[in-house]
C-alpha atoms as a PDB file:
ATOM      1  CA  MET A   1     -24.293 -17.285-149.933  1.00  0.00           C
ATOM      2  CA  SER A   2     -23.208 -13.723-150.475  1.00  0.00           C
ATOM      3  CA  GLN A   3     -21.755 -12.325-153.648  1.00  0.00           C
ATOM      4  CA  ALA A   4     -18.432 -12.084-151.939  1.00  0.00           C
ATOM      5  CA  ASN A   5     -17.817 -16.017-151.982  1.00  0.00           C
ATOM      6  CA  ASP A   6     -20.637 -17.329-154.214  1.00  0.00           C
ATOM      7  CA  MET A   7     -17.956 -18.686-156.815  1.00  0.00           C
ATOM      8  CA  ALA A   8     -15.711 -20.241-154.101  1.00  0.00           C
ATOM      9  CA  GLY A   9     -14.012 -23.534-155.341  1.00  0.00           C
ATOM     10  CA  LYS A  10     -15.342 -22.927-158.951  1.00  0.00           C
ATOM     11  CA  VAL A  11     -13.033 -23.023-161.985  1.00  0.00           C
ATOM     12  CA  VAL A  12     -13.752 -20.540-164.788  1.00  0.00           C
ATOM     13  CA  VAL A  13     -11.949 -20.805-168.141  1.00  0.00           C
ATOM     14  CA  ILE A  14     -12.172 -17.675-170.194  1.00  0.00           C
ATOM     15  CA  THR A  15     -10.893 -16.614-173.507  1.00  0.00           C
ATOM     16  CA  GLY A  16     -10.324 -12.895-174.379  1.00  0.00           C
ATOM     17  CA  GLY A  17      -9.814 -12.341-170.518  1.00  0.00           C
ATOM     18  CA  THR A  18      -6.892 -10.149-170.586  1.00  0.00           C
ATOM     19  CA  SER A  19      -8.766  -6.974-171.809  1.00  0.00           C
ATOM     20  CA  GLY A  20     -12.121  -5.261-171.917  1.00  0.00           C
ATOM     21  CA  LEU A  21     -15.207  -7.147-170.982  1.00  0.00           C
ATOM     22  CA  GLY A  22     -13.317 -10.493-170.300  1.00  0.00           C
ATOM     23  CA  ARG A  23     -10.921  -8.932-167.989  1.00  0.00           C
ATOM     24  CA  VAL A  24     -13.757  -7.203-165.907  1.00  0.00           C
ATOM     25  CA  THR A  25     -15.545 -10.406-165.624  1.00  0.00           C
ATOM     26  CA  ALA A  26     -12.272 -12.356-164.825  1.00  0.00           C
ATOM     27  CA  GLU A  27     -11.832  -9.903-161.898  1.00  0.00           C
ATOM     28  CA  ALA A  28     -15.291  -9.804-160.684  1.00  0.00           C
ATOM     29  CA  LEU A  29     -15.429 -13.733-160.533  1.00  0.00           C
ATOM     30  CA  ALA A  30     -12.071 -13.869-158.996  1.00  0.00           C
ATOM     31  CA  LYS A  31     -13.431 -11.373-156.115  1.00  0.00           C
ATOM     32  CA  ARG A  32     -16.168 -13.973-155.525  1.00  0.00           C
ATOM     33  CA  GLY A  33     -13.839 -16.724-155.103  1.00  0.00           C
ATOM     34  CA  ALA A  34     -13.372 -18.375-158.526  1.00  0.00           C
ATOM     35  CA  ARG A  35     -10.176 -19.592-159.697  1.00  0.00           C
ATOM     36  CA  ILE A  36      -9.742 -18.014-163.157  1.00  0.00           C
ATOM     37  CA  VAL A  37      -7.945 -19.962-166.133  1.00  0.00           C
ATOM     38  CA  LEU A  38      -6.951 -17.432-168.778  1.00  0.00           C
ATOM     39  CA  VAL A  39      -6.432 -18.359-172.372  1.00  0.00           C
ATOM     40  CA  ALA A  40      -4.419 -15.424-174.144  1.00  0.00           C
ATOM     41  CA  ARG A  41      -2.293 -14.679-177.038  1.00  0.00           C
ATOM     42  CA  ASP A  42      -0.343 -11.720-175.627  1.00  0.00           C
ATOM     43  CA  ARG A  43       1.924 -13.091-172.876  1.00  0.00           C
ATOM     44  CA  GLU A  44       2.653  -9.549-171.334  1.00  0.00           C
ATOM     45  CA  ARG A  45      -1.184  -8.773-170.990  1.00  0.00           C
ATOM     46  CA  ALA A  46      -1.704 -12.251-169.600  1.00  0.00           C
ATOM     47  CA  ARG A  47       1.050 -11.504-167.121  1.00  0.00           C
ATOM     48  CA  ARG A  48      -0.465  -8.297-166.040  1.00  0.00           C
ATOM     49  CA  THR A  49      -4.150  -9.699-165.801  1.00  0.00           C
ATOM     50  CA  LEU A  50      -2.796 -12.603-163.560  1.00  0.00           C
ATOM     51  CA  ALA A  51      -1.206 -10.043-161.236  1.00  0.00           C
ATOM     52  CA  ALA A  52      -4.590  -8.088-161.051  1.00  0.00           C
ATOM     53  CA  LEU A  53      -6.363 -11.474-160.442  1.00  0.00           C
ATOM     54  CA  ASN A  54      -4.044 -12.383-157.617  1.00  0.00           C
ATOM     55  CA  ALA A  55      -4.554  -8.902-156.130  1.00  0.00           C
ATOM     56  CA  VAL A  56      -8.382  -9.150-156.077  1.00  0.00           C
ATOM     57  CA  GLY A  57      -8.753 -12.964-155.667  1.00  0.00           C
ATOM     58  CA  PRO A  58      -5.541 -13.711-153.411  1.00  0.00           C
ATOM     59  CA  GLY A  59      -4.750 -17.503-153.194  1.00  0.00           C
ATOM     60  CA  GLY A  60      -6.732 -18.533-155.924  1.00  0.00           C
ATOM     61  CA  GLY A  61      -4.280 -20.283-158.117  1.00  0.00           C
ATOM     62  CA  HIS A  62      -5.199 -18.359-161.296  1.00  0.00           C
ATOM     63  CA  THR A  63      -3.286 -19.539-164.163  1.00  0.00           C
ATOM     64  CA  ALA A  64      -2.809 -18.521-167.831  1.00  0.00           C
ATOM     65  CA  HIS A  65      -2.406 -20.586-171.060  1.00  0.00           C
ATOM     66  CA  HIS A  66      -1.332 -19.106-174.281  1.00  0.00           C
ATOM     67  CA  ALA A  67      -2.615 -19.928-177.723  1.00  0.00           C
ATOM     68  CA  ASP A  68      -3.389 -18.135-181.068  1.00  0.00           C
ATOM     69  CA  LEU A  69      -7.264 -18.786-181.077  1.00  0.00           C
ATOM     70  CA  CYS A  70      -7.182 -17.923-184.961  1.00  0.00           C
ATOM     71  CA  LEU A  71      -5.649 -21.320-185.648  1.00  0.00           C
ATOM     72  CA  MET A  72      -7.752 -24.464-184.710  1.00  0.00           C
ATOM     73  CA  ALA A  73      -4.453 -26.511-184.116  1.00  0.00           C
ATOM     74  CA  ASP A  74      -3.395 -24.141-181.490  1.00  0.00           C
ATOM     75  CA  THR A  75      -6.881 -24.066-179.986  1.00  0.00           C
ATOM     76  CA  ARG A  76      -7.195 -27.773-179.693  1.00  0.00           C
ATOM     77  CA  ARG A  77      -3.660 -27.839-178.185  1.00  0.00           C
ATOM     78  CA  VAL A  78      -4.554 -25.411-175.444  1.00  0.00           C
ATOM     79  CA  ALA A  79      -7.741 -26.952-174.797  1.00  0.00           C
ATOM     80  CA  ALA A  80      -6.174 -30.393-174.401  1.00  0.00           C
ATOM     81  CA  GLU A  81      -3.603 -28.601-171.863  1.00  0.00           C
ATOM     82  CA  ILE A  82      -6.472 -27.183-169.830  1.00  0.00           C
ATOM     83  CA  ALA A  83      -8.295 -30.336-169.866  1.00  0.00           C
ATOM     84  CA  ALA A  84      -5.283 -32.274-168.544  1.00  0.00           C
ATOM     85  CA  ALA A  85      -4.675 -29.631-165.911  1.00  0.00           C
ATOM     86  CA  GLU A  86      -8.217 -29.261-164.500  1.00  0.00           C
ATOM     87  CA  PRO A  87     -10.217 -32.028-163.194  1.00  0.00           C
ATOM     88  CA  ARG A  88     -13.347 -29.858-163.250  1.00  0.00           C
ATOM     89  CA  ILE A  89     -14.424 -26.872-165.121  1.00  0.00           C
ATOM     90  CA  ASP A  90     -17.517 -25.047-163.901  1.00  0.00           C
ATOM     91  CA  VAL A  91     -17.755 -22.246-166.565  1.00  0.00           C
ATOM     92  CA  LEU A  92     -16.368 -21.844-169.926  1.00  0.00           C
ATOM     93  CA  MET A  93     -16.566 -18.399-171.308  1.00  0.00           C
ATOM     94  CA  ASN A  94     -15.963 -18.130-175.183  1.00  0.00           C
ATOM     95  CA  ASN A  95     -15.293 -14.508-175.277  1.00  0.00           C
ATOM     96  CA  ALA A  96     -12.374 -13.902-177.788  1.00  0.00           C
ATOM     97  CA  GLY A  97     -13.177 -11.998-180.822  1.00  0.00           C
ATOM     98  CA  ALA A  98     -12.282  -9.190-183.152  1.00  0.00           C
ATOM     99  CA  ILE A  99     -13.206  -7.188-186.235  1.00  0.00           C
ATOM    100  CA  PHE A 100     -10.986  -6.805-189.288  1.00  0.00           C
ATOM    101  CA  ALA A 101     -11.132  -4.166-191.784  1.00  0.00           C
ATOM    102  CA  THR A 102      -9.499  -6.183-194.635  1.00  0.00           C
ATOM    103  CA  ARG A 103      -9.885  -9.904-195.414  1.00  0.00           C
ATOM    104  CA  GLN A 104      -7.180 -12.111-193.872  1.00  0.00           C
ATOM    105  CA  VAL A 105      -6.741 -15.705-194.419  1.00  0.00           C
ATOM    106  CA  THR A 106      -5.079 -17.794-191.594  1.00  0.00           C
ATOM    107  CA  SER A 107      -2.448 -20.367-192.358  1.00  0.00           C
ATOM    108  CA  GLU A 108      -5.207 -23.143-192.136  1.00  0.00           C
ATOM    109  CA  GLY A 109      -7.162 -21.482-194.980  1.00  0.00           C
ATOM    110  CA  LEU A 110      -9.783 -19.866-193.007  1.00  0.00           C
ATOM    111  CA  GLU A 111     -10.998 -16.345-193.178  1.00  0.00           C
ATOM    112  CA  ARG A 112      -9.780 -14.807-189.874  1.00  0.00           C
ATOM    113  CA  THR A 113     -12.990 -13.306-188.399  1.00  0.00           C
ATOM    114  CA  PHE A 114     -14.708 -16.654-188.861  1.00  0.00           C
ATOM    115  CA  ALA A 115     -11.750 -18.687-187.607  1.00  0.00           C
ATOM    116  CA  LEU A 116     -11.368 -16.470-184.339  1.00  0.00           C
ATOM    117  CA  ASN A 117     -14.921 -15.623-183.605  1.00  0.00           C
ATOM    118  CA  HIS A 118     -16.639 -18.849-184.452  1.00  0.00           C
ATOM    119  CA  MET A 119     -14.511 -21.684-185.030  1.00  0.00           C
ATOM    120  CA  SER A 120     -12.512 -21.068-181.642  1.00  0.00           C
ATOM    121  CA  TYR A 121     -15.914 -21.436-179.823  1.00  0.00           C
ATOM    122  CA  PHE A 122     -16.591 -24.727-181.457  1.00  0.00           C
ATOM    123  CA  VAL A 123     -13.017 -26.198-181.094  1.00  0.00           C
ATOM    124  CA  MET A 124     -12.459 -24.833-177.473  1.00  0.00           C
ATOM    125  CA  THR A 125     -15.790 -26.303-176.269  1.00  0.00           C
ATOM    126  CA  ALA A 126     -15.032 -29.658-177.900  1.00  0.00           C
ATOM    127  CA  GLY A 127     -11.727 -29.755-176.224  1.00  0.00           C
ATOM    128  CA  LEU A 128     -13.291 -29.031-172.864  1.00  0.00           C
ATOM    129  CA  ARG A 129     -16.784 -30.826-173.191  1.00  0.00           C
ATOM    130  CA  ASP A 130     -15.753 -33.907-170.931  1.00  0.00           C
ATOM    131  CA  ARG A 131     -14.619 -31.684-168.165  1.00  0.00           C
ATOM    132  CA  LEU A 132     -17.699 -29.623-168.395  1.00  0.00           C
ATOM    133  CA  VAL A 133     -20.060 -32.561-168.328  1.00  0.00           C
ATOM    134  CA  ALA A 134     -18.155 -34.018-165.322  1.00  0.00           C
ATOM    135  CA  THR A 135     -18.744 -30.904-163.353  1.00  0.00           C
ATOM    136  CA  PRO A 136     -22.252 -30.596-161.975  1.00  0.00           C
ATOM    137  CA  GLY A 137     -24.051 -27.564-163.043  1.00  0.00           C
ATOM    138  CA  ALA A 138     -21.580 -26.362-165.506  1.00  0.00           C
ATOM    139  CA  ARG A 139     -22.174 -23.496-167.781  1.00  0.00           C
ATOM    140  CA  ILE A 140     -20.984 -22.437-171.229  1.00  0.00           C
ATOM    141  CA  VAL A 141     -21.224 -18.511-171.917  1.00  0.00           C
ATOM    142  CA  ASN A 142     -20.816 -17.387-175.553  1.00  0.00           C
ATOM    143  CA  THR A 143     -20.198 -13.764-176.206  1.00  0.00           C
ATOM    144  CA  ALA A 144     -22.439 -12.860-179.152  1.00  0.00           C
ATOM    145  CA  SER A 145     -23.649  -9.157-180.073  1.00  0.00           C
ATOM    146  CA  GLY A 146     -26.616  -7.434-181.410  1.00  0.00           C
ATOM    147  CA  ALA A 147     -24.383  -7.015-184.471  1.00  0.00           C
ATOM    148  CA  HIS A 148     -25.682 -10.497-185.661  1.00  0.00           C
ATOM    149  CA  ARG A 149     -28.675  -8.508-187.081  1.00  0.00           C
ATOM    150  CA  ARG A 150     -26.333  -7.505-189.935  1.00  0.00           C
ATOM    151  CA  GLY A 151     -25.091 -10.802-190.597  1.00  0.00           C
ATOM    152  CA  HIS A 152     -26.168 -13.715-192.919  1.00  0.00           C
ATOM    153  CA  VAL A 153     -24.783 -17.136-193.240  1.00  0.00           C
ATOM    154  CA  ASP A 154     -24.151 -17.889-196.656  1.00  0.00           C
ATOM    155  CA  PHE A 155     -22.995 -21.435-197.032  1.00  0.00           C
ATOM    156  CA  ASP A 156     -21.714 -20.915-200.643  1.00  0.00           C
ATOM    157  CA  ASP A 157     -19.218 -18.203-199.171  1.00  0.00           C
ATOM    158  CA  LEU A 158     -18.490 -18.778-195.496  1.00  0.00           C
ATOM    159  CA  GLN A 159     -14.948 -17.618-195.955  1.00  0.00           C
ATOM    160  CA  SER A 160     -16.210 -14.295-197.212  1.00  0.00           C
ATOM    161  CA  ALA A 161     -14.259 -14.378-200.426  1.00  0.00           C
ATOM    162  CA  ARG A 162     -16.792 -12.159-202.222  1.00  0.00           C
ATOM    163  CA  GLY A 163     -17.208  -8.482-201.424  1.00  0.00           C
ATOM    164  CA  TYR A 164     -15.680  -8.468-198.060  1.00  0.00           C
ATOM    165  CA  ARG A 165     -16.862  -5.880-195.601  1.00  0.00           C
ATOM    166  CA  GLY A 166     -15.444  -6.058-192.058  1.00  0.00           C
ATOM    167  CA  PHE A 167     -18.678  -4.970-190.146  1.00  0.00           C
ATOM    168  CA  THR A 168     -21.003  -7.361-192.032  1.00  0.00           C
ATOM    169  CA  VAL A 169     -18.581 -10.222-191.629  1.00  0.00           C
ATOM    170  CA  TYR A 170     -18.275  -9.521-187.918  1.00  0.00           C
ATOM    171  CA  GLY A 171     -22.185  -9.432-187.797  1.00  0.00           C
ATOM    172  CA  THR A 172     -22.216 -12.989-189.312  1.00  0.00           C
ATOM    173  CA  SER A 173     -19.580 -14.351-187.082  1.00  0.00           C
ATOM    174  CA  LYS A 174     -21.738 -12.991-184.043  1.00  0.00           C
ATOM    175  CA  LEU A 175     -24.908 -14.722-185.857  1.00  0.00           C
ATOM    176  CA  CYS A 176     -22.760 -17.946-186.063  1.00  0.00           C
ATOM    177  CA  ASN A 177     -22.403 -17.638-182.105  1.00  0.00           C
ATOM    178  CA  ILE A 178     -26.050 -17.668-181.440  1.00  0.00           C
ATOM    179  CA  LEU A 179     -26.748 -20.554-183.989  1.00  0.00           C
ATOM    180  CA  PHE A 180     -23.822 -22.519-182.435  1.00  0.00           C
ATOM    181  CA  THR A 181     -25.159 -22.022-178.927  1.00  0.00           C
ATOM    182  CA  ARG A 182     -28.618 -23.155-179.780  1.00  0.00           C
ATOM    183  CA  ALA A 183     -27.407 -26.269-181.419  1.00  0.00           C
ATOM    184  CA  LEU A 184     -24.904 -26.906-178.680  1.00  0.00           C
ATOM    185  CA  ALA A 185     -27.644 -26.537-176.104  1.00  0.00           C
ATOM    186  CA  ARG A 186     -29.653 -29.190-177.699  1.00  0.00           C
ATOM    187  CA  ARG A 187     -26.745 -31.651-177.826  1.00  0.00           C
ATOM    188  CA  LEU A 188     -26.167 -31.059-174.071  1.00  0.00           C
ATOM    189  CA  ILE A 189     -29.609 -31.866-172.980  1.00  0.00           C
ATOM    190  CA  GLY A 190     -29.466 -34.499-170.192  1.00  0.00           C
ATOM    191  CA  THR A 191     -25.716 -33.683-169.457  1.00  0.00           C
ATOM    192  CA  GLY A 192     -26.545 -30.956-166.844  1.00  0.00           C
ATOM    193  CA  VAL A 193     -24.467 -28.443-168.662  1.00  0.00           C
ATOM    194  CA  THR A 194     -26.128 -25.210-170.015  1.00  0.00           C
ATOM    195  CA  ALA A 195     -25.207 -22.955-172.941  1.00  0.00           C
ATOM    196  CA  ASN A 196     -26.333 -19.437-173.322  1.00  0.00           C
ATOM    197  CA  SER A 197     -25.206 -16.409-175.460  1.00  0.00           C
ATOM    198  CA  PHE A 198     -25.466 -12.878-174.918  1.00  0.00           C
ATOM    199  CA  HIS A 199     -25.305  -9.308-176.239  1.00  0.00           C
ATOM    200  CA  PRO A 200     -23.187  -7.066-174.019  1.00  0.00           C
ATOM    201  CA  GLY A 201     -24.172  -3.928-175.736  1.00  0.00           C
ATOM    202  CA  PHE A 202     -21.903  -1.297-177.372  1.00  0.00           C
ATOM    203  CA  VAL A 203     -19.013  -1.115-175.008  1.00  0.00           C
ATOM    204  CA  ALA A 204     -15.964   1.296-174.624  1.00  0.00           C
ATOM    205  CA  THR A 205     -13.148  -1.284-174.663  1.00  0.00           C
ATOM    206  CA  ARG A 206     -10.036  -1.618-176.964  1.00  0.00           C
ATOM    207  CA  PHE A 207     -12.218  -3.715-179.356  1.00  0.00           C
ATOM    208  CA  GLY A 208     -11.824  -2.601-182.856  1.00  0.00           C
ATOM    209  CA  ASP A 209      -8.690  -0.482-182.170  1.00  0.00           C
ATOM    210  CA  GLN A 210      -6.661  -2.822-184.652  1.00  0.00           C
ATOM    211  CA  SER A 211      -9.208  -3.237-187.226  1.00  0.00           C
ATOM    212  CA  GLY A 212      -7.750  -0.697-189.676  1.00  0.00           C
ATOM    213  CA  TRP A 213      -8.014   3.143-189.765  1.00  0.00           C
ATOM    214  CA  TRP A 214     -11.417   3.762-191.054  1.00  0.00           C
ATOM    215  CA  SER A 215     -13.239   1.024-189.038  1.00  0.00           C
ATOM    216  CA  ALA A 216     -11.203   2.024-185.913  1.00  0.00           C
ATOM    217  CA  LEU A 217     -12.251   5.577-186.470  1.00  0.00           C
ATOM    218  CA  THR A 218     -15.844   4.557-186.864  1.00  0.00           C
ATOM    219  CA  ILE A 219     -15.692   2.221-183.799  1.00  0.00           C
ATOM    220  CA  ARG A 220     -13.945   4.990-181.754  1.00  0.00           C
ATOM    221  CA  PHE A 221     -16.690   7.441-182.518  1.00  0.00           C
ATOM    222  CA  GLY A 222     -19.219   5.248-181.206  1.00  0.00           C
ATOM    223  CA  LYS A 223     -17.355   4.524-178.030  1.00  0.00           C
ATOM    224  CA  THR A 224     -17.098   8.418-177.350  1.00  0.00           C
ATOM    225  CA  PHE A 225     -20.806   9.052-177.811  1.00  0.00           C
ATOM    226  CA  MET A 226     -22.744   5.732-177.257  1.00  0.00           C
ATOM    227  CA  ALA A 227     -20.767   3.225-175.356  1.00  0.00           C
ATOM    228  CA  LEU A 228     -21.477   1.558-172.064  1.00  0.00           C
ATOM    229  CA  SER A 229     -18.831   1.390-169.546  1.00  0.00           C
ATOM    230  CA  GLU A 230     -17.006  -2.012-169.524  1.00  0.00           C
ATOM    231  CA  GLU A 231     -18.481  -2.843-165.974  1.00  0.00           C
ATOM    232  CA  LYS A 232     -22.039  -2.345-167.473  1.00  0.00           C
ATOM    233  CA  GLY A 233     -21.276  -4.515-170.421  1.00  0.00           C
ATOM    234  CA  ALA A 234     -19.763  -7.189-168.565  1.00  0.00           C
ATOM    235  CA  ASP A 235     -22.813  -7.234-166.192  1.00  0.00           C
ATOM    236  CA  THR A 236     -24.752  -9.987-168.151  1.00  0.00           C
ATOM    237  CA  MET A 237     -21.711 -11.964-168.604  1.00  0.00           C
ATOM    238  CA  ILE A 238     -21.022 -11.970-165.077  1.00  0.00           C
ATOM    239  CA  TYR A 239     -24.750 -12.800-164.279  1.00  0.00           C
ATOM    240  CA  LEU A 240     -24.801 -15.922-166.748  1.00  0.00           C
ATOM    241  CA  ALA A 241     -21.665 -17.436-165.115  1.00  0.00           C
ATOM    242  CA  SER A 242     -22.724 -17.037-161.553  1.00  0.00           C
ATOM    243  CA  SER A 243     -26.180 -16.341-160.979  1.00  0.00           C
ATOM    244  CA  PRO A 244     -28.534 -19.185-159.573  1.00  0.00           C
ATOM    245  CA  GLU A 245     -31.378 -17.481-161.243  1.00  0.00           C
ATOM    246  CA  VAL A 246     -30.155 -19.040-164.706  1.00  0.00           C
ATOM    247  CA  ALA A 247     -29.245 -22.442-163.329  1.00  0.00           C
ATOM    248  CA  GLY A 248     -30.850 -24.901-165.740  1.00  0.00           C
ATOM    249  CA  VAL A 249     -31.702 -22.236-168.457  1.00  0.00           C
ATOM    250  CA  THR A 250     -30.162 -23.235-171.757  1.00  0.00           C
ATOM    251  CA  GLY A 251     -30.089 -22.320-175.455  1.00  0.00           C
ATOM    252  CA  GLU A 252     -30.895 -18.506-174.871  1.00  0.00           C
ATOM    253  CA  TYR A 253     -29.857 -15.253-176.106  1.00  0.00           C
ATOM    254  CA  PHE A 254     -29.661 -12.792-173.314  1.00  0.00           C
ATOM    255  CA  PHE A 255     -29.391  -8.869-173.194  1.00  0.00           C
ATOM    256  CA  GLU A 256     -29.428  -6.984-170.085  1.00  0.00           C
ATOM    257  CA  ARG A 257     -29.814  -9.973-167.901  1.00  0.00           C
ATOM    258  CA  LYS A 258     -33.068 -11.092-169.649  1.00  0.00           C
ATOM    259  CA  PRO A 259     -33.816 -13.514-172.681  1.00  0.00           C
ATOM    260  CA  LYS A 260     -34.108 -11.708-175.824  1.00  0.00           C
ATOM    261  CA  GLN A 261     -35.319 -12.703-179.478  1.00  0.00           C
ATOM    262  CA  PRO A 262     -32.677 -12.517-181.963  1.00  0.00           C
ATOM    263  CA  THR A 263     -33.487 -12.250-185.600  1.00  0.00           C
ATOM    264  CA  ALA A 264     -35.376 -15.049-187.480  1.00  0.00           C
ATOM    265  CA  GLU A 265     -32.185 -16.383-189.053  1.00  0.00           C
ATOM    266  CA  ALA A 266     -30.640 -16.801-185.558  1.00  0.00           C
ATOM    267  CA  ARG A 267     -33.546 -18.914-184.406  1.00  0.00           C
ATOM    268  CA  ASP A 268     -33.630 -21.070-187.509  1.00  0.00           C
ATOM    269  CA  ASP A 269     -32.590 -24.430-186.158  1.00  0.00           C
ATOM    270  CA  ALA A 270     -32.114 -25.751-189.681  1.00  0.00           C
ATOM    271  CA  VAL A 271     -29.335 -23.362-190.434  1.00  0.00           C
ATOM    272  CA  ALA A 272     -27.955 -24.012-187.030  1.00  0.00           C
ATOM    273  CA  GLU A 273     -27.587 -27.655-187.685  1.00  0.00           C
ATOM    274  CA  ARG A 274     -26.096 -26.885-191.112  1.00  0.00           C
ATOM    275  CA  LEU A 275     -23.579 -24.725-189.603  1.00  0.00           C
ATOM    276  CA  TRP A 276     -22.766 -27.202-186.910  1.00  0.00           C
ATOM    277  CA  GLN A 277     -22.068 -29.977-189.515  1.00  0.00           C
ATOM    278  CA  VAL A 278     -19.918 -27.583-191.550  1.00  0.00           C
ATOM    279  CA  SER A 279     -17.961 -26.571-188.515  1.00  0.00           C
ATOM    280  CA  ALA A 280     -17.403 -30.261-187.695  1.00  0.00           C
ATOM    281  CA  ASP A 281     -16.070 -30.892-191.054  1.00  0.00           C
ATOM    282  CA  ILE A 282     -13.801 -27.951-190.917  1.00  0.00           C
ATOM    283  CA  ALA A 283     -12.441 -28.870-187.639  1.00  0.00           C
ATOM    284  CA  GLY A 284     -12.252 -32.543-188.500  1.00  0.00           C
ATOM    285  CA  PHE A 285     -14.162 -33.793-185.478  1.00  0.00           C
ATOM    286  CA  ASP A 286     -17.546 -33.168-183.854  1.00  0.00           C
ATOM    287  CA  LEU A 287     -18.380 -32.162-180.446  1.00  0.00           C
END
């Protein structure tokens, strides 16, 4: 089957799909015949993205659901809405994320980076698990980052109340993504669902533009002189969602289409299991 229609009939749910890597990926998969289900906070960007999806993948029936993924209650609500609307889900792409220069706490009492970059993955996946398991060959693709190398999971300070540094906290959230993926893959053994994470590289997107003037300036400097294009950064994301070469591959961390070894802490299954249990306690349910 050619790339032009290799995703025909498949349903792809993607968070953070209205800009950057997510939008590039959504459009690429729509071109290949997939029906895209967006989860977006900004309604205007969702409207524009749907228009673009309908242009490149006409007749796909692409849809958008709206939620603030910083809030577990909103994430759980939108996951339930999608599960009720979609009898099958072939790919779930947990991609929404951000970096914040100053510490912010959500109305649910969670530090915002941890809430958005980690807990939304946990809660969204839990809400869509049954649909994924019911779909032969379903895949979960989690956007992580090489920034995980700067992170460390301190179970005595998961909400970063002590000495907050935006880049370090972001790195820890990306470490959580890899640990979550490893623990998730083990729990999905025998279901036919795979789960992998990936590092897109340093990409020139709008990421970090709202992170505070100093962080935004630093990120913008990096984008100018070191960044990959959005298309290059999205390549592994698209590959993990669609390629037959990774059918059945699970629990891996990818970069440039190849499994790569993350840090020792990211490979520590005891840390992954503890993070899982703490996350389930925070969410108030297990996955």
